[in-house]
Amino acid sequence: MAGAQQSLLVTGAAGFIGSHVAQALAARGDRVIGLDNFDSFYDRGVKQANVGEVERAAAGRFQFVEGDICDATAMQRLFDAERFTGVIHLAARAGVRPSIADPVLYARVNVEGTTVLLEAVRRARVPRFVLASSSSVYGDAEKVPFAEDDDVSRPISPYAATKRACELIGATFHQLYALPVACLRFFTVYGPRQRPDLAIAQFLRRISAGQSITLYGDGSTSRDYTYIDDIVAGVLAAYDRVDRFGYRIWNLGGSNPVTLTDLVGVVERTVGRRAEIERRPEQAGDVRRTFADLARSRAELGYSPATTLEEGIRRQWAWGWAR
């Protein structure tokens, strides 16, 4: 649908991925309403800075609204006031380890909040819905790479379980109301504006300052790191094409897993300093590896991640240093 101006709601627009998606949509000429409730999971000032960056780049095509996706009345007011051509739903309570500490909160925000939005979309007859899922739904699968039709019935964290539940709720709304729904399984996204609690952001900050970092396990666990620009390209392609598929799950990853030990090495080379490492046992809920099978995304979305880990971390470092 690139070419025809859209009017989109982007939830989680003050966050890492959401702010980049909102900015990219505005850059291609779409009108964007960004929604966020400034959840206290991390500093509000970081999110406000993200919104400011989008506003400066968007040339008047971005409007920010503070609100909670779990507030059904507020969401209905928003959908009554705006005529959206689509919703890209990126708001969520994120993080595997915190979800183990507070599973009820994660269920409420992720599952209830998504259902509130889908019901608002149904009532307003919005023609398409894109949902952020996660590679965590694959659990500790032995088969690699992870493909969209693999068994995902054994999540190992409440966060993963809520993301799978959101996929199923999306499938239900498609079946009942013929709503086109795309579920995007993101694989360890990084880059400028990354959440400050995530590993790469922490490693850049702490290693450059001469502070120690904590590594869980022996360093052999691996992740399929994906640069933010590649993720954004996949999100926009899924939004533009989901109506051709009705309901569809797509992996968005880098398809090049890197071990934790090697990741630290890349960060060390980027900042020009050796890491001081404190080792601890592996933590409950953490998977041994992630690895995206991109055959479906390449064929159906034209998705082709282009940013190497070394280049992506260099860009994240340059952005953080400049700020």
C-alpha atoms as a PDB file:
ATOM      1  CA  MET A   1       0.000   0.000   0.000  1.00  0.00           C
ATOM      2  CA  ALA A   2       2.984   2.292  -0.308  1.00  0.00           C
ATOM      3  CA  GLY A   3       1.999   5.104  -2.633  1.00  0.00           C
ATOM      4  CA  ALA A   4      -1.509   5.694  -1.269  1.00  0.00           C
ATOM      5  CA  GLN A   5      -1.442   7.748   1.925  1.00  0.00           C
ATOM      6  CA  GLN A   6      -2.491   5.763   4.960  1.00  0.00           C
ATOM      7  CA  SER A   7      -3.691   6.855   8.378  1.00  0.00           C
ATOM      8  CA  LEU A   8      -2.194   4.430  10.864  1.00  0.00           C
ATOM      9  CA  LEU A   9      -2.236   3.854  14.587  1.00  0.00           C
ATOM     10  CA  VAL A  10       1.137   2.672  15.931  1.00  0.00           C
ATOM     11  CA  THR A  11       0.989   1.456  19.523  1.00  0.00           C
ATOM     12  CA  GLY A  12       4.148   1.518  21.613  1.00  0.00           C
ATOM     13  CA  ALA A  13       5.262   4.487  19.521  1.00  0.00           C
ATOM     14  CA  ALA A  14       7.498   5.918  22.264  1.00  0.00           C
ATOM     15  CA  GLY A  15       9.440   2.679  22.489  1.00  0.00           C
ATOM     16  CA  PHE A  16      12.397   1.342  20.563  1.00  0.00           C
ATOM     17  CA  ILE A  17      10.790  -0.453  17.620  1.00  0.00           C
ATOM     18  CA  GLY A  18       7.599   1.607  17.668  1.00  0.00           C
ATOM     19  CA  SER A  19       9.365   4.941  17.306  1.00  0.00           C
ATOM     20  CA  HIS A  20      11.365   3.679  14.329  1.00  0.00           C
ATOM     21  CA  VAL A  21       8.268   2.255  12.625  1.00  0.00           C
ATOM     22  CA  ALA A  22       6.311   5.482  13.166  1.00  0.00           C
ATOM     23  CA  GLN A  23       9.190   7.523  11.750  1.00  0.00           C
ATOM     24  CA  ALA A  24       9.498   5.284   8.668  1.00  0.00           C
ATOM     25  CA  LEU A  25       5.766   5.464   7.966  1.00  0.00           C
ATOM     26  CA  ALA A  26       5.801   9.262   8.200  1.00  0.00           C
ATOM     27  CA  ALA A  27       8.878   9.386   5.957  1.00  0.00           C
ATOM     28  CA  ARG A  28       7.020   7.579   3.187  1.00  0.00           C
ATOM     29  CA  GLY A  29       4.120  10.019   3.457  1.00  0.00           C
ATOM     30  CA  ASP A  30       1.662   8.284   5.765  1.00  0.00           C
ATOM     31  CA  ARG A  31      -0.166   9.997   8.608  1.00  0.00           C
ATOM     32  CA  VAL A  32       0.687   8.386  11.947  1.00  0.00           C
ATOM     33  CA  ILE A  33      -0.991   8.516  15.328  1.00  0.00           C
ATOM     34  CA  GLY A  34       1.472   7.213  17.900  1.00  0.00           C
ATOM     35  CA  LEU A  35       0.086   5.762  21.129  1.00  0.00           C
ATOM     36  CA  ASP A  36       2.037   4.990  24.304  1.00  0.00           C
ATOM     37  CA  ASN A  37       1.357   5.030  28.047  1.00  0.00           C
ATOM     38  CA  PHE A  38       4.986   5.649  29.136  1.00  0.00           C
ATOM     39  CA  ASP A  39       5.035   2.447  31.168  1.00  0.00           C
ATOM     40  CA  SER A  40       7.514   2.605  34.054  1.00  0.00           C
ATOM     41  CA  PHE A  41       9.464  -0.471  32.869  1.00  0.00           C
ATOM     42  CA  TYR A  42      12.212   1.988  31.971  1.00  0.00           C
ATOM     43  CA  ASP A  43      12.771   5.736  32.241  1.00  0.00           C
ATOM     44  CA  ARG A  44      10.038   7.967  30.829  1.00  0.00           C
ATOM     45  CA  GLY A  45      12.654  10.478  29.690  1.00  0.00           C
ATOM     46  CA  VAL A  46      14.127   7.917  27.282  1.00  0.00           C
ATOM     47  CA  LYS A  47      10.724   7.414  25.670  1.00  0.00           C
ATOM     48  CA  GLN A  48      10.006  11.124  25.519  1.00  0.00           C
ATOM     49  CA  ALA A  49      13.325  11.594  23.718  1.00  0.00           C
ATOM     50  CA  ASN A  50      12.246   8.925  21.200  1.00  0.00           C
ATOM     51  CA  VAL A  51       8.983  10.768  20.560  1.00  0.00           C
ATOM     52  CA  GLY A  52      10.897  14.006  20.107  1.00  0.00           C
ATOM     53  CA  GLU A  53      13.134  12.413  17.477  1.00  0.00           C
ATOM     54  CA  VAL A  54      10.113  11.158  15.547  1.00  0.00           C
ATOM     55  CA  GLU A  55       8.349  14.515  15.758  1.00  0.00           C
ATOM     56  CA  ARG A  56      11.397  16.353  14.426  1.00  0.00           C
ATOM     57  CA  ALA A  57      11.761  13.949  11.510  1.00  0.00           C
ATOM     58  CA  ALA A  58       8.089  13.498  10.624  1.00  0.00           C
ATOM     59  CA  ALA A  59       7.372  16.922   9.062  1.00  0.00           C
ATOM     60  CA  GLY A  60       3.950  17.225  10.684  1.00  0.00           C
ATOM     61  CA  ARG A  61       2.773  13.712   9.758  1.00  0.00           C
ATOM     62  CA  PHE A  62       3.069  12.344  13.315  1.00  0.00           C
ATOM     63  CA  GLN A  63       0.766  13.021  16.252  1.00  0.00           C
ATOM     64  CA  PHE A  64       1.390  11.534  19.688  1.00  0.00           C
ATOM     65  CA  VAL A  65      -1.371  10.408  22.066  1.00  0.00           C
ATOM     66  CA  GLU A  66      -0.712   9.208  25.616  1.00  0.00           C
ATOM     67  CA  GLY A  67      -2.991   6.318  26.506  1.00  0.00           C
ATOM     68  CA  ASP A  68      -3.259   2.729  27.741  1.00  0.00           C
ATOM     69  CA  ILE A  69      -4.225  -0.121  25.399  1.00  0.00           C
ATOM     70  CA  CYS A  70      -5.933  -1.878  28.329  1.00  0.00           C
ATOM     71  CA  ASP A  71      -8.364   1.038  28.758  1.00  0.00           C
ATOM     72  CA  ALA A  72     -11.235  -0.060  26.524  1.00  0.00           C
ATOM     73  CA  THR A  73     -13.134   3.217  26.947  1.00  0.00           C
ATOM     74  CA  ALA A  74     -10.120   5.312  25.968  1.00  0.00           C
ATOM     75  CA  MET A  75      -9.420   3.092  22.978  1.00  0.00           C
ATOM     76  CA  GLN A  76     -13.003   3.361  21.799  1.00  0.00           C
ATOM     77  CA  ARG A  77     -12.806   7.153  22.038  1.00  0.00           C
ATOM     78  CA  LEU A  78      -9.614   7.126  19.994  1.00  0.00           C
ATOM     79  CA  PHE A  79     -11.131   4.932  17.283  1.00  0.00           C
ATOM     80  CA  ASP A  80     -14.267   7.079  17.241  1.00  0.00           C
ATOM     81  CA  ALA A  81     -12.161  10.218  16.758  1.00  0.00           C
ATOM     82  CA  GLU A  82      -9.861   8.844  14.040  1.00  0.00           C
ATOM     83  CA  ARG A  83     -10.538   6.855  10.902  1.00  0.00           C
ATOM     84  CA  PHE A  84      -7.605   4.474  10.700  1.00  0.00           C
ATOM     85  CA  THR A  85      -6.668   2.524   7.600  1.00  0.00           C
ATOM     86  CA  GLY A  86      -4.595   0.156   9.702  1.00  0.00           C
ATOM     87  CA  VAL A  87      -3.074  -0.614  13.109  1.00  0.00           C
ATOM     88  CA  ILE A  88       0.497  -1.678  13.828  1.00  0.00           C
ATOM     89  CA  HIS A  89       0.437  -2.980  17.387  1.00  0.00           C
ATOM     90  CA  LEU A  90       3.898  -2.895  18.978  1.00  0.00           C
ATOM     91  CA  ALA A  91       2.982  -2.011  22.567  1.00  0.00           C
ATOM     92  CA  ALA A  92       3.698  -4.775  25.059  1.00  0.00           C
ATOM     93  CA  ARG A  93       5.179  -5.566  28.397  1.00  0.00           C
ATOM     94  CA  ALA A  94       8.537  -6.950  27.259  1.00  0.00           C
ATOM     95  CA  GLY A  95      11.221  -9.162  28.770  1.00  0.00           C
ATOM     96  CA  VAL A  96      11.491 -12.855  29.595  1.00  0.00           C
ATOM     97  CA  ARG A  97      12.969 -12.605  33.096  1.00  0.00           C
ATOM     98  CA  PRO A  98      10.617  -9.884  34.415  1.00  0.00           C
ATOM     99  CA  SER A  99       7.636 -11.900  33.168  1.00  0.00           C
ATOM    100  CA  ILE A 100       8.585 -14.723  35.517  1.00  0.00           C
ATOM    101  CA  ALA A 101       8.487 -12.268  38.425  1.00  0.00           C
ATOM    102  CA  ASP A 102       5.080 -10.811  37.467  1.00  0.00           C
ATOM    103  CA  PRO A 103       3.158 -13.086  35.066  1.00  0.00           C
ATOM    104  CA  VAL A 104      -0.226 -11.541  35.902  1.00  0.00           C
ATOM    105  CA  LEU A 105       0.885  -8.095  34.741  1.00  0.00           C
ATOM    106  CA  TYR A 106       2.261  -9.556  31.506  1.00  0.00           C
ATOM    107  CA  ALA A 107      -0.979 -11.390  30.806  1.00  0.00           C
ATOM    108  CA  ARG A 108      -3.009  -8.258  31.418  1.00  0.00           C
ATOM    109  CA  VAL A 109      -0.967  -5.894  29.262  1.00  0.00           C
ATOM    110  CA  ASN A 110      -0.120  -8.251  26.436  1.00  0.00           C
ATOM    111  CA  VAL A 111      -3.181 -10.460  26.144  1.00  0.00           C
ATOM    112  CA  GLU A 112      -5.951  -8.216  27.449  1.00  0.00           C
ATOM    113  CA  GLY A 113      -4.480  -5.123  25.793  1.00  0.00           C
ATOM    114  CA  THR A 114      -4.244  -6.852  22.417  1.00  0.00           C
ATOM    115  CA  THR A 115      -7.822  -8.087  22.723  1.00  0.00           C
ATOM    116  CA  VAL A 116      -9.061  -4.579  23.576  1.00  0.00           C
ATOM    117  CA  LEU A 117      -7.369  -3.259  20.438  1.00  0.00           C
ATOM    118  CA  LEU A 118      -8.704  -6.016  18.213  1.00  0.00           C
ATOM    119  CA  GLU A 119     -12.233  -5.358  19.444  1.00  0.00           C
ATOM    120  CA  ALA A 120     -11.818  -1.627  18.732  1.00  0.00           C
ATOM    121  CA  VAL A 121     -10.502  -2.497  15.262  1.00  0.00           C
ATOM    122  CA  ARG A 122     -13.483  -4.780  14.644  1.00  0.00           C
ATOM    123  CA  ARG A 123     -16.028  -2.179  15.693  1.00  0.00           C
ATOM    124  CA  ALA A 124     -14.380   0.537  13.615  1.00  0.00           C
ATOM    125  CA  ARG A 125     -13.960  -1.810  10.632  1.00  0.00           C
ATOM    126  CA  VAL A 126     -10.265  -1.045  10.300  1.00  0.00           C
ATOM    127  CA  PRO A 127      -9.087  -3.166   7.340  1.00  0.00           C
ATOM    128  CA  ARG A 128      -5.766  -4.560   8.623  1.00  0.00           C
ATOM    129  CA  PHE A 129      -3.887  -5.330  11.846  1.00  0.00           C
ATOM    130  CA  VAL A 130      -0.185  -6.053  12.371  1.00  0.00           C
ATOM    131  CA  LEU A 131       0.909  -7.582  15.673  1.00  0.00           C
ATOM    132  CA  ALA A 132       4.393  -7.836  17.186  1.00  0.00           C
ATOM    133  CA  SER A 133       5.090 -11.363  18.346  1.00  0.00           C
ATOM    134  CA  SER A 134       8.458 -12.796  19.377  1.00  0.00           C
ATOM    135  CA  SER A 135      10.975 -15.519  18.617  1.00  0.00           C
ATOM    136  CA  SER A 136      10.478 -16.556  22.248  1.00  0.00           C
ATOM    137  CA  VAL A 137       7.339 -18.479  21.201  1.00  0.00           C
ATOM    138  CA  TYR A 138       9.625 -21.194  19.783  1.00  0.00           C
ATOM    139  CA  GLY A 139      10.875 -22.046  23.261  1.00  0.00           C
ATOM    140  CA  ASP A 140      13.961 -24.226  23.515  1.00  0.00           C
ATOM    141  CA  ALA A 141      13.309 -25.953  20.190  1.00  0.00           C
ATOM    142  CA  GLU A 142      15.918 -28.446  18.989  1.00  0.00           C
ATOM    143  CA  LYS A 143      15.147 -28.004  15.286  1.00  0.00           C
ATOM    144  CA  VAL A 144      16.890 -25.057  13.644  1.00  0.00           C
ATOM    145  CA  PRO A 145      16.327 -22.754  11.969  1.00  0.00           C
ATOM    146  CA  PHE A 146      12.908 -21.919  13.459  1.00  0.00           C
ATOM    147  CA  ALA A 147      10.124 -21.922  10.847  1.00  0.00           C
ATOM    148  CA  GLU A 148       6.677 -20.385  11.196  1.00  0.00           C
ATOM    149  CA  ASP A 149       4.906 -23.759  10.976  1.00  0.00           C
ATOM    150  CA  ASP A 150       7.012 -25.366  13.743  1.00  0.00           C
ATOM    151  CA  ASP A 151       5.332 -26.563  16.924  1.00  0.00           C
ATOM    152  CA  VAL A 152       5.141 -23.651  19.392  1.00  0.00           C
ATOM    153  CA  SER A 153       3.051 -25.335  22.067  1.00  0.00           C
ATOM    154  CA  ARG A 154       5.771 -25.306  24.761  1.00  0.00           C
ATOM    155  CA  PRO A 155       6.791 -21.747  25.683  1.00  0.00           C
ATOM    156  CA  ILE A 156       9.200 -21.558  28.616  1.00  0.00           C
ATOM    157  CA  SER A 157       8.340 -18.113  29.995  1.00  0.00           C
ATOM    158  CA  PRO A 158       5.121 -16.198  30.706  1.00  0.00           C
ATOM    159  CA  TYR A 159       6.246 -13.558  28.183  1.00  0.00           C
ATOM    160  CA  ALA A 160       6.491 -16.183  25.443  1.00  0.00           C
ATOM    161  CA  ALA A 161       3.123 -17.623  26.429  1.00  0.00           C
ATOM    162  CA  THR A 162       1.460 -14.206  26.196  1.00  0.00           C
ATOM    163  CA  LYS A 163       2.907 -13.617  22.734  1.00  0.00           C
ATOM    164  CA  ARG A 164       1.616 -16.962  21.511  1.00  0.00           C
ATOM    165  CA  ALA A 165      -1.764 -16.166  23.050  1.00  0.00           C
ATOM    166  CA  CYS A 166      -1.828 -12.897  21.098  1.00  0.00           C
ATOM    167  CA  GLU A 167      -1.172 -14.796  17.866  1.00  0.00           C
ATOM    168  CA  LEU A 168      -4.106 -17.096  18.629  1.00  0.00           C
ATOM    169  CA  ILE A 169      -6.411 -14.198  19.469  1.00  0.00           C
ATOM    170  CA  GLY A 170      -5.438 -12.604  16.161  1.00  0.00           C
ATOM    171  CA  ALA A 171      -6.266 -15.855  14.364  1.00  0.00           C
ATOM    172  CA  THR A 172      -9.656 -15.937  16.078  1.00  0.00           C
ATOM    173  CA  PHE A 173     -10.531 -12.399  14.989  1.00  0.00           C
ATOM    174  CA  HIS A 174      -9.516 -13.284  11.443  1.00  0.00           C
ATOM    175  CA  GLN A 175     -11.724 -16.369  11.468  1.00  0.00           C
ATOM    176  CA  LEU A 176     -14.717 -14.582  12.961  1.00  0.00           C
ATOM    177  CA  TYR A 177     -14.536 -11.269  11.105  1.00  0.00           C
ATOM    178  CA  ALA A 178     -12.242 -11.857   8.074  1.00  0.00           C
ATOM    179  CA  LEU A 179      -9.826  -9.279   9.512  1.00  0.00           C
ATOM    180  CA  PRO A 180      -6.382  -9.442   7.864  1.00  0.00           C
ATOM    181  CA  VAL A 181      -3.875 -10.062  10.689  1.00  0.00           C
ATOM    182  CA  ALA A 182      -0.089 -10.321  10.458  1.00  0.00           C
ATOM    183  CA  CYS A 183       1.904 -11.729  13.384  1.00  0.00           C
ATOM    184  CA  LEU A 184       5.591 -10.821  13.238  1.00  0.00           C
ATOM    185  CA  ARG A 185       8.047 -12.906  15.230  1.00  0.00           C
ATOM    186  CA  PHE A 186      10.929 -10.540  16.000  1.00  0.00           C
ATOM    187  CA  PHE A 187      14.390 -11.973  16.686  1.00  0.00           C
ATOM    188  CA  THR A 188      16.524  -9.941  19.185  1.00  0.00           C
ATOM    189  CA  VAL A 189      16.279  -6.454  17.743  1.00  0.00           C
ATOM    190  CA  TYR A 190      19.043  -3.904  18.342  1.00  0.00           C
ATOM    191  CA  GLY A 191      20.182  -0.502  17.089  1.00  0.00           C
ATOM    192  CA  PRO A 192      19.738   3.180  17.976  1.00  0.00           C
ATOM    193  CA  ARG A 193      17.066   3.771  20.676  1.00  0.00           C
ATOM    194  CA  GLN A 194      17.372   0.180  21.934  1.00  0.00           C
ATOM    195  CA  ARG A 195      15.876  -0.311  25.390  1.00  0.00           C
ATOM    196  CA  PRO A 196      18.562   0.467  27.997  1.00  0.00           C
ATOM    197  CA  ASP A 197      18.008  -2.832  29.810  1.00  0.00           C
ATOM    198  CA  LEU A 198      18.869  -5.009  26.798  1.00  0.00           C
ATOM    199  CA  ALA A 199      22.238  -6.731  26.470  1.00  0.00           C
ATOM    200  CA  ILE A 200      23.853  -4.767  23.653  1.00  0.00           C
ATOM    201  CA  ALA A 201      22.892  -1.405  25.149  1.00  0.00           C
ATOM    202  CA  GLN A 202      24.183  -2.505  28.548  1.00  0.00           C
ATOM    203  CA  PHE A 203      27.403  -3.936  27.158  1.00  0.00           C
ATOM    204  CA  LEU A 204      28.175  -0.786  25.148  1.00  0.00           C
ATOM    205  CA  ARG A 205      27.528   1.420  28.150  1.00  0.00           C
ATOM    206  CA  ARG A 206      29.320  -0.632  30.774  1.00  0.00           C
ATOM    207  CA  ILE A 207      32.341  -1.854  28.821  1.00  0.00           C
ATOM    208  CA  SER A 208      33.076   1.651  27.512  1.00  0.00           C
ATOM    209  CA  ALA A 209      32.945   2.960  31.101  1.00  0.00           C
ATOM    210  CA  GLY A 210      35.262   0.237  32.428  1.00  0.00           C
ATOM    211  CA  GLN A 211      32.458  -1.388  34.409  1.00  0.00           C
ATOM    212  CA  SER A 212      31.949  -5.141  34.628  1.00  0.00           C
ATOM    213  CA  ILE A 213      29.241  -6.995  32.719  1.00  0.00           C
ATOM    214  CA  THR A 214      27.356 -10.083  33.869  1.00  0.00           C
ATOM    215  CA  LEU A 215      27.195 -13.102  31.571  1.00  0.00           C
ATOM    216  CA  TYR A 216      24.825 -15.970  32.326  1.00  0.00           C
ATOM    217  CA  GLY A 217      26.142 -19.403  31.391  1.00  0.00           C
ATOM    218  CA  ASP A 218      29.385 -20.293  29.606  1.00  0.00           C
ATOM    219  CA  GLY A 219      28.914 -17.897  26.667  1.00  0.00           C
ATOM    220  CA  SER A 220      27.817 -20.577  24.192  1.00  0.00           C
ATOM    221  CA  THR A 221      24.165 -19.518  24.020  1.00  0.00           C
ATOM    222  CA  SER A 222      23.381 -17.798  20.716  1.00  0.00           C
ATOM    223  CA  ARG A 223      20.915 -15.228  19.401  1.00  0.00           C
ATOM    224  CA  ASP A 224      19.789 -14.218  15.948  1.00  0.00           C
ATOM    225  CA  TYR A 225      20.453 -10.473  16.260  1.00  0.00           C
ATOM    226  CA  THR A 226      18.459  -8.246  13.896  1.00  0.00           C
ATOM    227  CA  TYR A 227      19.197  -4.601  13.148  1.00  0.00           C
ATOM    228  CA  ILE A 228      16.318  -2.171  13.576  1.00  0.00           C
ATOM    229  CA  ASP A 229      16.284  -0.937   9.948  1.00  0.00           C
ATOM    230  CA  ASP A 230      15.817  -4.513   8.724  1.00  0.00           C
ATOM    231  CA  ILE A 231      12.977  -5.047  11.195  1.00  0.00           C
ATOM    232  CA  VAL A 232      11.248  -1.838  10.100  1.00  0.00           C
ATOM    233  CA  ALA A 233      11.444  -2.878   6.441  1.00  0.00           C
ATOM    234  CA  GLY A 234       9.770  -6.169   7.359  1.00  0.00           C
ATOM    235  CA  VAL A 235       7.038  -4.485   9.401  1.00  0.00           C
ATOM    236  CA  LEU A 236       6.114  -2.123   6.576  1.00  0.00           C
ATOM    237  CA  ALA A 237       6.138  -4.940   4.014  1.00  0.00           C
ATOM    238  CA  ALA A 238       3.858  -7.040   6.227  1.00  0.00           C
ATOM    239  CA  TYR A 239       1.459  -4.133   6.687  1.00  0.00           C
ATOM    240  CA  ASP A 240       1.329  -3.494   2.943  1.00  0.00           C
ATOM    241  CA  ARG A 241       0.769  -7.149   1.985  1.00  0.00           C
ATOM    242  CA  VAL A 242      -1.193  -8.829   4.781  1.00  0.00           C
ATOM    243  CA  ASP A 243      -4.523  -8.364   2.974  1.00  0.00           C
ATOM    244  CA  ARG A 244      -3.292 -10.871   0.359  1.00  0.00           C
ATOM    245  CA  PHE A 245      -2.935 -13.570   3.013  1.00  0.00           C
ATOM    246  CA  GLY A 246      -5.752 -12.968   5.533  1.00  0.00           C
ATOM    247  CA  TYR A 247      -3.883 -14.344   8.543  1.00  0.00           C
ATOM    248  CA  ARG A 248      -0.142 -14.917   8.364  1.00  0.00           C
ATOM    249  CA  ILE A 249       2.837 -15.389  10.663  1.00  0.00           C
ATOM    250  CA  TRP A 250       6.237 -14.160   9.485  1.00  0.00           C
ATOM    251  CA  ASN A 251       9.700 -14.426  11.046  1.00  0.00           C
ATOM    252  CA  LEU A 252      11.733 -11.219  11.014  1.00  0.00           C
ATOM    253  CA  GLY A 253      15.304 -12.046  11.959  1.00  0.00           C
ATOM    254  CA  GLY A 254      18.870 -11.835  10.780  1.00  0.00           C
ATOM    255  CA  SER A 255      19.237 -15.608  10.174  1.00  0.00           C
ATOM    256  CA  ASN A 256      22.835 -15.512  11.437  1.00  0.00           C
ATOM    257  CA  PRO A 257      23.061 -16.569  15.096  1.00  0.00           C
ATOM    258  CA  VAL A 258      25.983 -15.251  17.156  1.00  0.00           C
ATOM    259  CA  THR A 259      27.174 -16.671  20.478  1.00  0.00           C
ATOM    260  CA  LEU A 260      27.231 -14.531  23.582  1.00  0.00           C
ATOM    261  CA  THR A 261      31.019 -14.762  23.695  1.00  0.00           C
ATOM    262  CA  ASP A 262      31.310 -13.510  20.119  1.00  0.00           C
ATOM    263  CA  LEU A 263      28.836 -10.702  20.794  1.00  0.00           C
ATOM    264  CA  VAL A 264      31.006  -9.444  23.640  1.00  0.00           C
ATOM    265  CA  GLY A 265      33.982  -9.536  21.304  1.00  0.00           C
ATOM    266  CA  VAL A 266      32.191  -7.343  18.760  1.00  0.00           C
ATOM    267  CA  VAL A 267      31.302  -4.827  21.466  1.00  0.00           C
ATOM    268  CA  GLU A 268      34.883  -4.817  22.762  1.00  0.00           C
ATOM    269  CA  ARG A 269      36.209  -4.034  19.284  1.00  0.00           C
ATOM    270  CA  THR A 270      33.572  -1.354  18.782  1.00  0.00           C
ATOM    271  CA  VAL A 271      34.329   0.586  21.956  1.00  0.00           C
ATOM    272  CA  GLY A 272      38.056  -0.205  21.985  1.00  0.00           C
ATOM    273  CA  ARG A 273      38.143  -1.700  25.447  1.00  0.00           C
ATOM    274  CA  ARG A 274      38.251  -5.168  26.989  1.00  0.00           C
ATOM    275  CA  ALA A 275      35.319  -6.371  29.063  1.00  0.00           C
ATOM    276  CA  GLU A 276      35.501  -7.260  32.728  1.00  0.00           C
ATOM    277  CA  ILE A 277      33.196 -10.253  33.024  1.00  0.00           C
ATOM    278  CA  GLU A 278      31.288 -11.666  35.994  1.00  0.00           C
ATOM    279  CA  ARG A 279      29.859 -15.116  35.249  1.00  0.00           C
ATOM    280  CA  ARG A 280      26.693 -16.544  36.713  1.00  0.00           C
ATOM    281  CA  PRO A 281      24.566 -19.651  36.045  1.00  0.00           C
ATOM    282  CA  GLU A 282      22.038 -19.665  33.228  1.00  0.00           C
ATOM    283  CA  GLN A 283      18.679 -18.207  34.192  1.00  0.00           C
ATOM    284  CA  ALA A 284      15.246 -19.800  34.078  1.00  0.00           C
ATOM    285  CA  GLY A 285      13.271 -18.822  30.986  1.00  0.00           C
ATOM    286  CA  ASP A 286      16.318 -18.157  28.806  1.00  0.00           C
ATOM    287  CA  VAL A 287      16.523 -20.268  25.640  1.00  0.00           C
ATOM    288  CA  ARG A 288      19.790 -21.771  24.400  1.00  0.00           C
ATOM    289  CA  ARG A 289      19.523 -20.313  20.904  1.00  0.00           C
ATOM    290  CA  THR A 290      17.353 -18.540  18.365  1.00  0.00           C
ATOM    291  CA  PHE A 291      17.658 -18.847  14.587  1.00  0.00           C
ATOM    292  CA  ALA A 292      15.120 -17.545  12.076  1.00  0.00           C
ATOM    293  CA  ASP A 293      14.123 -19.450   8.969  1.00  0.00           C
ATOM    294  CA  LEU A 294      13.418 -16.605   6.522  1.00  0.00           C
ATOM    295  CA  ALA A 295      12.186 -18.619   3.537  1.00  0.00           C
ATOM    296  CA  ARG A 296       8.578 -17.467   3.946  1.00  0.00           C
ATOM    297  CA  SER A 297       9.450 -13.845   4.715  1.00  0.00           C
ATOM    298  CA  ARG A 298      11.823 -13.634   1.747  1.00  0.00           C
ATOM    299  CA  ALA A 299       9.303 -15.143  -0.658  1.00  0.00           C
ATOM    300  CA  GLU A 300       6.192 -13.314   0.520  1.00  0.00           C
ATOM    301  CA  LEU A 301       7.519 -10.006   1.864  1.00  0.00           C
ATOM    302  CA  GLY A 302      10.719  -9.563  -0.110  1.00  0.00           C
ATOM    303  CA  TYR A 303      12.402  -9.407   3.297  1.00  0.00           C
ATOM    304  CA  SER A 304      16.190  -9.411   3.087  1.00  0.00           C
ATOM    305  CA  PRO A 305      18.169  -8.317   6.178  1.00  0.00           C
ATOM    306  CA  ALA A 306      21.270  -6.442   5.054  1.00  0.00           C
ATOM    307  CA  THR A 307      23.041  -5.162   8.187  1.00  0.00           C
ATOM    308  CA  THR A 308      25.867  -7.170   9.727  1.00  0.00           C
ATOM    309  CA  LEU A 309      26.197  -7.328  13.490  1.00  0.00           C
ATOM    310  CA  GLU A 310      29.490  -5.443  13.367  1.00  0.00           C
ATOM    311  CA  GLU A 311      28.016  -2.616  11.302  1.00  0.00           C
ATOM    312  CA  GLY A 312      24.802  -2.469  13.343  1.00  0.00           C
ATOM    313  CA  ILE A 313      26.603  -2.262  16.669  1.00  0.00           C
ATOM    314  CA  ARG A 314      28.911   0.408  15.232  1.00  0.00           C
ATOM    315  CA  ARG A 315      25.838   2.467  14.297  1.00  0.00           C
ATOM    316  CA  GLN A 316      24.249   1.958  17.721  1.00  0.00           C
ATOM    317  CA  TRP A 317      27.484   2.996  19.410  1.00  0.00           C
ATOM    318  CA  ALA A 318      27.825   6.106  17.222  1.00  0.00           C
ATOM    319  CA  TRP A 319      24.238   7.122  17.963  1.00  0.00           C
ATOM    320  CA  GLY A 320      24.552   6.621  21.708  1.00  0.00           C
ATOM    321  CA  TRP A 321      27.898   8.379  21.840  1.00  0.00           C
ATOM    322  CA  ALA A 322      26.524  11.340  19.877  1.00  0.00           C
ATOM    323  CA  ARG A 323      23.690  11.758  22.367  1.00  0.00           C
END
